[in-house]
PDB file of N, CA and C in Angstrom:
ATOM      1  N   MET A   1       0.783  -1.054   0.158  1.00  0.00           N
ATOM      2  CA  MET A   1      -0.103   0.070  -0.169  1.00  0.00           C
ATOM      3  C   MET A   1       0.803   1.429  -0.149  1.00  0.00           C
ATOM      4  N   PRO A   2       1.252   1.488  -1.153  1.00  0.00           N
ATOM      5  CA  PRO A   2       1.955   2.955  -1.032  1.00  0.00           C
ATOM      6  C   PRO A   2       1.414   4.214  -0.662  1.00  0.00           C
ATOM      7  N   VAL A   3       0.375   4.425  -0.812  1.00  0.00           N
ATOM      8  CA  VAL A   3      -0.110   5.934  -0.310  1.00  0.00           C
ATOM      9  C   VAL A   3      -1.219   5.589   0.717  1.00  0.00           C
ATOM     10  N   ARG A   4      -1.087   5.969   1.685  1.00  0.00           N
ATOM     11  CA  ARG A   4      -1.998   5.624   3.253  1.00  0.00           C
ATOM     12  C   ARG A   4      -2.540   6.995   3.537  1.00  0.00           C
ATOM     13  N   PHE A   5      -3.816   7.046   3.591  1.00  0.00           N
ATOM     14  CA  PHE A   5      -4.379   8.146   4.356  1.00  0.00           C
ATOM     15  C   PHE A   5      -4.009   8.068   5.745  1.00  0.00           C
ATOM     16  N   ILE A   6      -4.027   9.351   6.311  1.00  0.00           N
ATOM     17  CA  ILE A   6      -3.312   9.665   7.510  1.00  0.00           C
ATOM     18  C   ILE A   6      -4.494  10.509   8.362  1.00  0.00           C
ATOM     19  N   GLY A   7      -4.864  11.249   8.093  1.00  0.00           N
ATOM     20  CA  GLY A   7      -5.950  12.165   8.919  1.00  0.00           C
ATOM     21  C   GLY A   7      -6.588  13.373   8.082  1.00  0.00           C
ATOM     22  N   ILE A   8      -7.298  13.923   8.673  1.00  0.00           N
ATOM     23  CA  ILE A   8      -8.090  15.359   8.452  1.00  0.00           C
ATOM     24  C   ILE A   8      -7.859  16.418   9.600  1.00  0.00           C
ATOM     25  N   ASP A   9      -8.331  17.634   9.027  1.00  0.00           N
ATOM     26  CA  ASP A   9      -8.312  18.701  10.151  1.00  0.00           C
ATOM     27  C   ASP A   9      -9.497  18.073  10.823  1.00  0.00           C
ATOM     28  N   PRO A  10      -9.130  18.169  12.382  1.00  0.00           N
ATOM     29  CA  PRO A  10     -10.363  17.508  13.114  1.00  0.00           C
ATOM     30  C   PRO A  10     -11.450  18.359  13.171  1.00  0.00           C
ATOM     31  N   GLU A  11     -11.327  19.724  12.762  1.00  0.00           N
ATOM     32  CA  GLU A  11     -12.242  20.634  12.861  1.00  0.00           C
ATOM     33  C   GLU A  11     -13.103  21.076  11.465  1.00  0.00           C
ATOM     34  N   SER A  12     -12.632  20.161  10.498  1.00  0.00           N
ATOM     35  CA  SER A  12     -13.079  20.767   9.408  1.00  0.00           C
ATOM     36  C   SER A  12     -14.552  20.820   8.758  1.00  0.00           C
ATOM     37  N   GLU A  13     -15.047  21.271   8.110  1.00  0.00           N
ATOM     38  CA  GLU A  13     -16.348  21.003   7.368  1.00  0.00           C
ATOM     39  C   GLU A  13     -16.214  20.253   6.410  1.00  0.00           C
ATOM     40  N   HIS A  14     -17.601  20.078   5.836  1.00  0.00           N
ATOM     41  CA  HIS A  14     -17.800  19.112   4.432  1.00  0.00           C
ATOM     42  C   HIS A  14     -17.020  19.984   3.540  1.00  0.00           C
ATOM     43  N   GLY A  15     -16.258  19.245   2.646  1.00  0.00           N
ATOM     44  CA  GLY A  15     -15.666  19.987   1.449  1.00  0.00           C
ATOM     45  C   GLY A  15     -14.308  20.840   1.627  1.00  0.00           C
ATOM     46  N   ASP A  16     -13.981  21.276   2.929  1.00  0.00           N
ATOM     47  CA  ASP A  16     -12.956  22.438   3.180  1.00  0.00           C
ATOM     48  C   ASP A  16     -12.164  21.407   4.066  1.00  0.00           C
ATOM     49  N   SER A  17     -11.588  20.326   3.841  1.00  0.00           N
ATOM     50  CA  SER A  17     -10.471  19.776   4.632  1.00  0.00           C
ATOM     51  C   SER A  17      -9.184  19.258   4.349  1.00  0.00           C
ATOM     52  N   PRO A  18      -8.429  20.356   5.020  1.00  0.00           N
ATOM     53  CA  PRO A  18      -6.693  19.724   4.791  1.00  0.00           C
ATOM     54  C   PRO A  18      -6.818  18.407   5.250  1.00  0.00           C
ATOM     55  N   THR A  19      -5.933  17.738   4.262  1.00  0.00           N
ATOM     56  CA  THR A  19      -5.509  16.258   4.603  1.00  0.00           C
ATOM     57  C   THR A  19      -4.023  15.686   4.564  1.00  0.00           C
ATOM     58  N   VAL A  20      -3.984  14.848   5.073  1.00  0.00           N
ATOM     59  CA  VAL A  20      -2.408  14.447   5.155  1.00  0.00           C
ATOM     60  C   VAL A  20      -2.715  12.630   4.708  1.00  0.00           C
ATOM     61  N   TRP A  21      -1.650  12.521   3.771  1.00  0.00           N
ATOM     62  CA  TRP A  21      -1.319  11.268   3.148  1.00  0.00           C
ATOM     63  C   TRP A  21       0.228  10.798   3.518  1.00  0.00           C
ATOM     64  N   ALA A  22       0.746   9.630   3.557  1.00  0.00           N
ATOM     65  CA  ALA A  22       1.969   9.106   3.645  1.00  0.00           C
ATOM     66  C   ALA A  22       2.100   8.124   2.379  1.00  0.00           C
ATOM     67  N   ASN A  23       2.872   8.520   1.722  1.00  0.00           N
ATOM     68  CA  ASN A  23       3.903   7.523   0.401  1.00  0.00           C
ATOM     69  C   ASN A  23       4.700   6.854   1.096  1.00  0.00           C
ATOM     70  N   THR A  24       4.418   5.593   1.588  1.00  0.00           N
ATOM     71  CA  THR A  24       5.490   4.964   2.220  1.00  0.00           C
ATOM     72  C   THR A  24       6.463   4.280   1.364  1.00  0.00           C
ATOM     73  N   ASP A  25       6.036   4.337  -0.061  1.00  0.00           N
ATOM     74  CA  ASP A  25       7.069   3.600  -1.000  1.00  0.00           C
ATOM     75  C   ASP A  25       8.142   4.590  -1.291  1.00  0.00           C
ATOM     76  N   ALA A  26       7.584   6.060  -1.538  1.00  0.00           N
ATOM     77  CA  ALA A  26       8.368   6.862  -2.030  1.00  0.00           C
ATOM     78  C   ALA A  26       9.223   7.666  -0.815  1.00  0.00           C
ATOM     79  N   GLY A  27       8.212   7.515   0.697  1.00  0.00           N
ATOM     80  CA  GLY A  27       9.180   7.976   1.701  1.00  0.00           C
ATOM     81  C   GLY A  27       8.796   9.812   1.723  1.00  0.00           C
ATOM     82  N   GLU A  28       7.357   9.920   1.230  1.00  0.00           N
ATOM     83  CA  GLU A  28       7.038  11.372   0.769  1.00  0.00           C
ATOM     84  C   GLU A  28       5.767  11.555   1.771  1.00  0.00           C
ATOM     85  N   LEU A  29       5.085  12.771   2.246  1.00  0.00           N
ATOM     86  CA  LEU A  29       4.256  13.134   2.582  1.00  0.00           C
ATOM     87  C   LEU A  29       3.261  14.079   1.469  1.00  0.00           C
ATOM     88  N   LEU A  30       2.164  13.664   1.460  1.00  0.00           N
ATOM     89  CA  LEU A  30       1.098  14.453   0.591  1.00  0.00           C
ATOM     90  C   LEU A  30       0.339  15.156   1.408  1.00  0.00           C
ATOM     91  N   ILE A  31      -0.009  16.274   1.193  1.00  0.00           N
ATOM     92  CA  ILE A  31      -0.611  17.511   2.272  1.00  0.00           C
ATOM     93  C   ILE A  31      -1.610  18.122   1.233  1.00  0.00           C
ATOM     94  N   GLN A  32      -2.680  18.339   1.407  1.00  0.00           N
ATOM     95  CA  GLN A  32      -4.002  19.029   1.007  1.00  0.00           C
ATOM     96  C   GLN A  32      -4.361  20.261   2.029  1.00  0.00           C
ATOM     97  N   GLY A  33      -3.829  21.173   1.177  1.00  0.00           N
ATOM     98  CA  GLY A  33      -4.206  22.378   2.399  1.00  0.00           C
ATOM     99  C   GLY A  33      -4.629  23.742   1.573  1.00  0.00           C
ATOM    100  N   TRP A  34      -4.898  24.904   2.348  1.00  0.00           N
ATOM    101  CA  TRP A  34      -5.395  26.003   1.784  1.00  0.00           C
ATOM    102  C   TRP A  34      -4.318  26.659   0.856  1.00  0.00           C
ATOM    103  N   THR A  35      -4.395  27.242  -0.035  1.00  0.00           N
ATOM    104  CA  THR A  35      -3.557  27.779  -1.037  1.00  0.00           C
ATOM    105  C   THR A  35      -3.028  28.802  -0.212  1.00  0.00           C
ATOM    106  N   ALA A  36      -1.724  29.149  -0.195  1.00  0.00           N
ATOM    107  CA  ALA A  36      -1.281  30.514   0.427  1.00  0.00           C
ATOM    108  C   ALA A  36      -1.473  31.635  -0.395  1.00  0.00           C
ATOM    109  N   THR A  37      -1.862  32.559  -0.030  1.00  0.00           N
ATOM    110  CA  THR A  37      -1.949  33.750  -0.626  1.00  0.00           C
ATOM    111  C   THR A  37      -0.872  34.354  -1.208  1.00  0.00           C
ATOM    112  N   GLU A  38      -0.551  35.490  -2.361  1.00  0.00           N
ATOM    113  CA  GLU A  38       0.672  35.656  -2.797  1.00  0.00           C
ATOM    114  C   GLU A  38       1.102  36.593  -1.370  1.00  0.00           C
ATOM    115  N   GLU A  39       0.428  37.172  -0.627  1.00  0.00           N
ATOM    116  CA  GLU A  39       1.301  37.861   0.616  1.00  0.00           C
ATOM    117  C   GLU A  39       1.740  36.875   1.142  1.00  0.00           C
ATOM    118  N   GLU A  40       1.147  35.917   1.582  1.00  0.00           N
ATOM    119  CA  GLU A  40       1.692  35.003   2.726  1.00  0.00           C
ATOM    120  C   GLU A  40       2.886  34.329   2.130  1.00  0.00           C
ATOM    121  N   ALA A  41       2.955  34.178   0.879  1.00  0.00           N
ATOM    122  CA  ALA A  41       4.014  33.381  -0.108  1.00  0.00           C
ATOM    123  C   ALA A  41       5.356  34.710   0.060  1.00  0.00           C
ATOM    124  N   THR A  42       5.081  35.684  -0.066  1.00  0.00           N
ATOM    125  CA  THR A  42       5.906  36.735   0.067  1.00  0.00           C
ATOM    126  C   THR A  42       6.701  36.730   1.767  1.00  0.00           C
ATOM    127  N   ARG A  43       5.932  36.817   2.220  1.00  0.00           N
ATOM    128  CA  ARG A  43       6.454  37.123   3.987  1.00  0.00           C
ATOM    129  C   ARG A  43       7.137  35.467   3.921  1.00  0.00           C
ATOM    130  N   CYS A  44       6.754  34.598   3.922  1.00  0.00           N
ATOM    131  CA  CYS A  44       7.561  33.399   3.754  1.00  0.00           C
ATOM    132  C   CYS A  44       8.842  33.495   3.639  1.00  0.00           C
ATOM    133  N   TYR A  45       9.411  34.173   2.590  1.00  0.00           N
ATOM    134  CA  TYR A  45      10.622  34.618   2.218  1.00  0.00           C
ATOM    135  C   TYR A  45      11.263  35.803   3.013  1.00  0.00           C
ATOM    136  N   SER A  46      10.259  36.546   2.796  1.00  0.00           N
ATOM    137  CA  SER A  46      10.981  38.244   3.520  1.00  0.00           C
ATOM    138  C   SER A  46      11.002  38.310   5.057  1.00  0.00           C
ATOM    139  N   GLU A  47       9.986  37.652   5.821  1.00  0.00           N
ATOM    140  CA  GLU A  47       9.830  37.239   7.379  1.00  0.00           C
ATOM    141  C   GLU A  47      10.835  35.796   7.868  1.00  0.00           C
ATOM    142  N   GLY A  48      10.584  34.946   6.786  1.00  0.00           N
ATOM    143  CA  GLY A  48      11.092  33.495   7.473  1.00  0.00           C
ATOM    144  C   GLY A  48      12.161  33.269   6.624  1.00  0.00           C
ATOM    145  N   GLY A  49      12.935  33.848   5.534  1.00  0.00           N
ATOM    146  CA  GLY A  49      13.922  33.848   5.072  1.00  0.00           C
ATOM    147  C   GLY A  49      14.086  32.061   4.341  1.00  0.00           C
ATOM    148  N   THR A  50      15.025  31.909   3.782  1.00  0.00           N
ATOM    149  CA  THR A  50      15.192  30.532   2.806  1.00  0.00           C
ATOM    150  C   THR A  50      16.749  30.242   3.018  1.00  0.00           C
ATOM    151  N   ALA A  51      17.004  28.896   2.503  1.00  0.00           N
ATOM    152  CA  ALA A  51      18.146  28.087   2.656  1.00  0.00           C
ATOM    153  C   ALA A  51      19.016  28.677   1.577  1.00  0.00           C
ATOM    154  N   PRO A  52      20.600  28.734   2.026  1.00  0.00           N
ATOM    155  CA  PRO A  52      21.550  29.342   1.512  1.00  0.00           C
ATOM    156  C   PRO A  52      21.477  29.103  -0.254  1.00  0.00           C
ATOM    157  N   GLY A  53      21.530  29.902  -1.123  1.00  0.00           N
ATOM    158  CA  GLY A  53      21.668  29.197  -2.278  1.00  0.00           C
ATOM    159  C   GLY A  53      20.480  29.447  -3.443  1.00  0.00           C
ATOM    160  N   HIS A  54      19.340  29.432  -2.554  1.00  0.00           N
ATOM    161  CA  HIS A  54      17.895  29.427  -3.172  1.00  0.00           C
ATOM    162  C   HIS A  54      17.298  30.589  -3.065  1.00  0.00           C
ATOM    163  N   GLU A  55      16.488  30.838  -4.360  1.00  0.00           N
ATOM    164  CA  GLU A  55      15.925  32.017  -5.020  1.00  0.00           C
ATOM    165  C   GLU A  55      14.930  32.243  -3.566  1.00  0.00           C
ATOM    166  N   ALA A  56      14.480  33.680  -3.430  1.00  0.00           N
ATOM    167  CA  ALA A  56      13.352  33.862  -2.286  1.00  0.00           C
ATOM    168  C   ALA A  56      12.419  34.298  -3.373  1.00  0.00           C
ATOM    169  N   ALA A  57      11.753  33.010  -3.779  1.00  0.00           N
ATOM    170  CA  ALA A  57      10.466  33.119  -4.449  1.00  0.00           C
ATOM    171  C   ALA A  57      10.045  31.638  -4.622  1.00  0.00           C
ATOM    172  N   VAL A  58       8.919  31.061  -4.995  1.00  0.00           N
ATOM    173  CA  VAL A  58       8.587  29.774  -4.962  1.00  0.00           C
ATOM    174  C   VAL A  58       8.454  29.412  -6.175  1.00  0.00           C
ATOM    175  N   PRO A  59       9.355  28.261  -7.083  1.00  0.00           N
ATOM    176  CA  PRO A  59       9.502  27.527  -8.256  1.00  0.00           C
ATOM    177  C   PRO A  59       7.977  27.681  -8.910  1.00  0.00           C
ATOM    178  N   ASP A  60       8.096  27.350 -10.136  1.00  0.00           N
ATOM    179  CA  ASP A  60       6.754  27.551 -10.809  1.00  0.00           C
ATOM    180  C   ASP A  60       6.190  25.772 -10.350  1.00  0.00           C
ATOM    181  N   HIS A  61       6.847  24.861 -10.251  1.00  0.00           N
ATOM    182  CA  HIS A  61       6.453  23.656  -9.917  1.00  0.00           C
ATOM    183  C   HIS A  61       6.444  23.446  -8.615  1.00  0.00           C
ATOM    184  N   GLU A  62       6.348  24.199  -7.899  1.00  0.00           N
ATOM    185  CA  GLU A  62       5.910  24.394  -6.218  1.00  0.00           C
ATOM    186  C   GLU A  62       4.801  25.264  -5.859  1.00  0.00           C
ATOM    187  N   THR A  63       4.512  24.982  -4.463  1.00  0.00           N
ATOM    188  CA  THR A  63       3.452  26.031  -4.119  1.00  0.00           C
ATOM    189  C   THR A  63       3.439  25.979  -2.667  1.00  0.00           C
ATOM    190  N   ILE A  64       2.909  27.104  -2.103  1.00  0.00           N
ATOM    191  CA  ILE A  64       2.709  27.116  -0.711  1.00  0.00           C
ATOM    192  C   ILE A  64       1.470  26.564   0.035  1.00  0.00           C
ATOM    193  N   ILE A  65       1.604  25.910   1.105  1.00  0.00           N
ATOM    194  CA  ILE A  65       0.091  25.596   1.176  1.00  0.00           C
ATOM    195  C   ILE A  65      -0.176  25.911   2.770  1.00  0.00           C
ATOM    196  N   ARG A  66      -1.348  26.007   3.220  1.00  0.00           N
ATOM    197  CA  ARG A  66      -1.239  26.466   4.655  1.00  0.00           C
ATOM    198  C   ARG A  66      -2.303  25.231   5.502  1.00  0.00           C
ATOM    199  N   ILE A  67      -2.033  24.744   6.603  1.00  0.00           N
ATOM    200  CA  ILE A  67      -2.747  23.708   7.215  1.00  0.00           C
ATOM    201  C   ILE A  67      -2.712  24.430   8.628  1.00  0.00           C
ATOM    202  N   PRO A  68      -3.986  24.169   9.623  1.00  0.00           N
ATOM    203  CA  PRO A  68      -3.906  24.698  11.108  1.00  0.00           C
ATOM    204  C   PRO A  68      -2.966  23.783  11.830  1.00  0.00           C
ATOM    205  N   ALA A  69      -2.383  24.529  12.688  1.00  0.00           N
ATOM    206  CA  ALA A  69      -1.257  23.903  14.089  1.00  0.00           C
ATOM    207  C   ALA A  69      -2.174  22.713  14.503  1.00  0.00           C
ATOM    208  N   ARG A  70      -3.576  22.829  14.533  1.00  0.00           N
ATOM    209  CA  ARG A  70      -3.991  21.823  15.209  1.00  0.00           C
ATOM    210  C   ARG A  70      -3.879  20.730  14.774  1.00  0.00           C
ATOM    211  N   MET A  71      -3.304  20.540  13.387  1.00  0.00           N
ATOM    212  CA  MET A  71      -2.967  19.118  12.679  1.00  0.00           C
ATOM    213  C   MET A  71      -1.609  18.833  12.847  1.00  0.00           C
ATOM    214  N   ALA A  72      -0.987  19.515  13.835  1.00  0.00           N
ATOM    215  CA  ALA A  72       0.408  18.971  14.146  1.00  0.00           C
ATOM    216  C   ALA A  72       0.816  17.450  14.413  1.00  0.00           C
ATOM    217  N   PRO A  73      -0.446  16.939  15.440  1.00  0.00           N
ATOM    218  CA  PRO A  73      -0.423  15.349  15.642  1.00  0.00           C
ATOM    219  C   PRO A  73      -0.517  14.651  14.121  1.00  0.00           C
ATOM    220  N   ILE A  74      -1.512  14.873  13.431  1.00  0.00           N
ATOM    221  CA  ILE A  74      -1.866  14.291  11.982  1.00  0.00           C
ATOM    222  C   ILE A  74      -0.129  14.347  11.561  1.00  0.00           C
ATOM    223  N   LEU A  75       0.195  15.148  11.543  1.00  0.00           N
ATOM    224  CA  LEU A  75       1.883  15.301  10.697  1.00  0.00           C
ATOM    225  C   LEU A  75       2.653  14.404  11.292  1.00  0.00           C
ATOM    226  N   ARG A  76       2.597  14.355  12.628  1.00  0.00           N
ATOM    227  CA  ARG A  76       3.476  13.501  13.211  1.00  0.00           C
ATOM    228  C   ARG A  76       3.285  11.909  13.142  1.00  0.00           C
ATOM    229  N   LYS A  77       2.116  11.619  12.999  1.00  0.00           N
ATOM    230  CA  LYS A  77       1.448  10.268  12.826  1.00  0.00           C
ATOM    231  C   LYS A  77       2.039   9.939  11.263  1.00  0.00           C
ATOM    232  N   ALA A  78       1.832  11.128  10.401  1.00  0.00           N
ATOM    233  CA  ALA A  78       2.458  10.612   9.058  1.00  0.00           C
ATOM    234  C   ALA A  78       3.768  10.400   9.143  1.00  0.00           C
ATOM    235  N   LEU A  79       4.669  11.388   9.641  1.00  0.00           N
ATOM    236  CA  LEU A  79       5.979  11.176   9.687  1.00  0.00           C
ATOM    237  C   LEU A  79       6.227   9.655  10.554  1.00  0.00           C
ATOM    238  N   ASP A  80       5.600   9.403  11.249  1.00  0.00           N
ATOM    239  CA  ASP A  80       5.942   8.300  12.062  1.00  0.00           C
ATOM    240  C   ASP A  80       5.649   6.904  11.052  1.00  0.00           C
ATOM    241  N   ALA A  81       4.548   7.185  10.133  1.00  0.00           N
ATOM    242  CA  ALA A  81       4.116   6.056   8.924  1.00  0.00           C
ATOM    243  C   ALA A  81       5.341   5.979   8.065  1.00  0.00           C
ATOM    244  N   LEU A  82       6.157   6.942   7.805  1.00  0.00           N
ATOM    245  CA  LEU A  82       7.320   6.668   6.946  1.00  0.00           C
ATOM    246  C   LEU A  82       8.468   6.403   7.740  1.00  0.00           C
ATOM    247  N   ASP A  83       8.509   6.332   8.795  1.00  0.00           N
ATOM    248  CA  ASP A  83       9.633   5.584   9.666  1.00  0.00           C
ATOM    249  C   ASP A  83       8.903   4.198   9.843  1.00  0.00           C
ATOM    250  N   SER A  84       8.029   3.828  10.135  1.00  0.00           N
ATOM    251  CA  SER A  84       7.472   2.658  10.247  1.00  0.00           C
ATOM    252  C   SER A  84       6.669   2.001   9.235  1.00  0.00           C
ATOM    253  N   PRO A  85       6.801   2.045   7.720  1.00  0.00           N
ATOM    254  CA  PRO A  85       5.824   1.658   6.830  1.00  0.00           C
ATOM    255  C   PRO A  85       5.169   0.381   7.172  1.00  0.00           C
ATOM    256  N   THR A  86       6.006  -0.687   7.576  1.00  0.00           N
ATOM    257  CA  THR A  86       5.417  -1.723   7.730  1.00  0.00           C
ATOM    258  C   THR A  86       4.511  -2.086   9.054  1.00  0.00           C
ATOM    259  N   ASP A  87       4.109  -1.043   9.795  1.00  0.00           N
ATOM    260  CA  ASP A  87       3.122  -0.815  11.010  1.00  0.00           C
ATOM    261  C   ASP A  87       1.789  -0.178  10.678  1.00  0.00           C
ATOM    262  N   ARG A  88       1.211  -0.889   9.700  1.00  0.00           N
ATOM    263  CA  ARG A  88       0.200  -0.333   9.156  1.00  0.00           C
ATOM    264  C   ARG A  88      -1.130  -0.704   9.769  1.00  0.00           C
TER     265      ARG A  88
END
């Protein structure tokens, strides 16, 4: 089972659900969230900074998403699933 559903925002309403999956074969998380606004994306780089040697802009093939902090336990669970892909 390469892609495994982990969880959704516990306070989500119908049709508005940030969601997390783990692709245990690829060792990746798949995250559905709210699309960051242009202002939020700009603030990520102007206030948060970036890695040395990287442009202060989102590449065309990437995007910044927002998920609520209350989903931290779901993200931890997803990371654990990648560490132990046989524990399903």
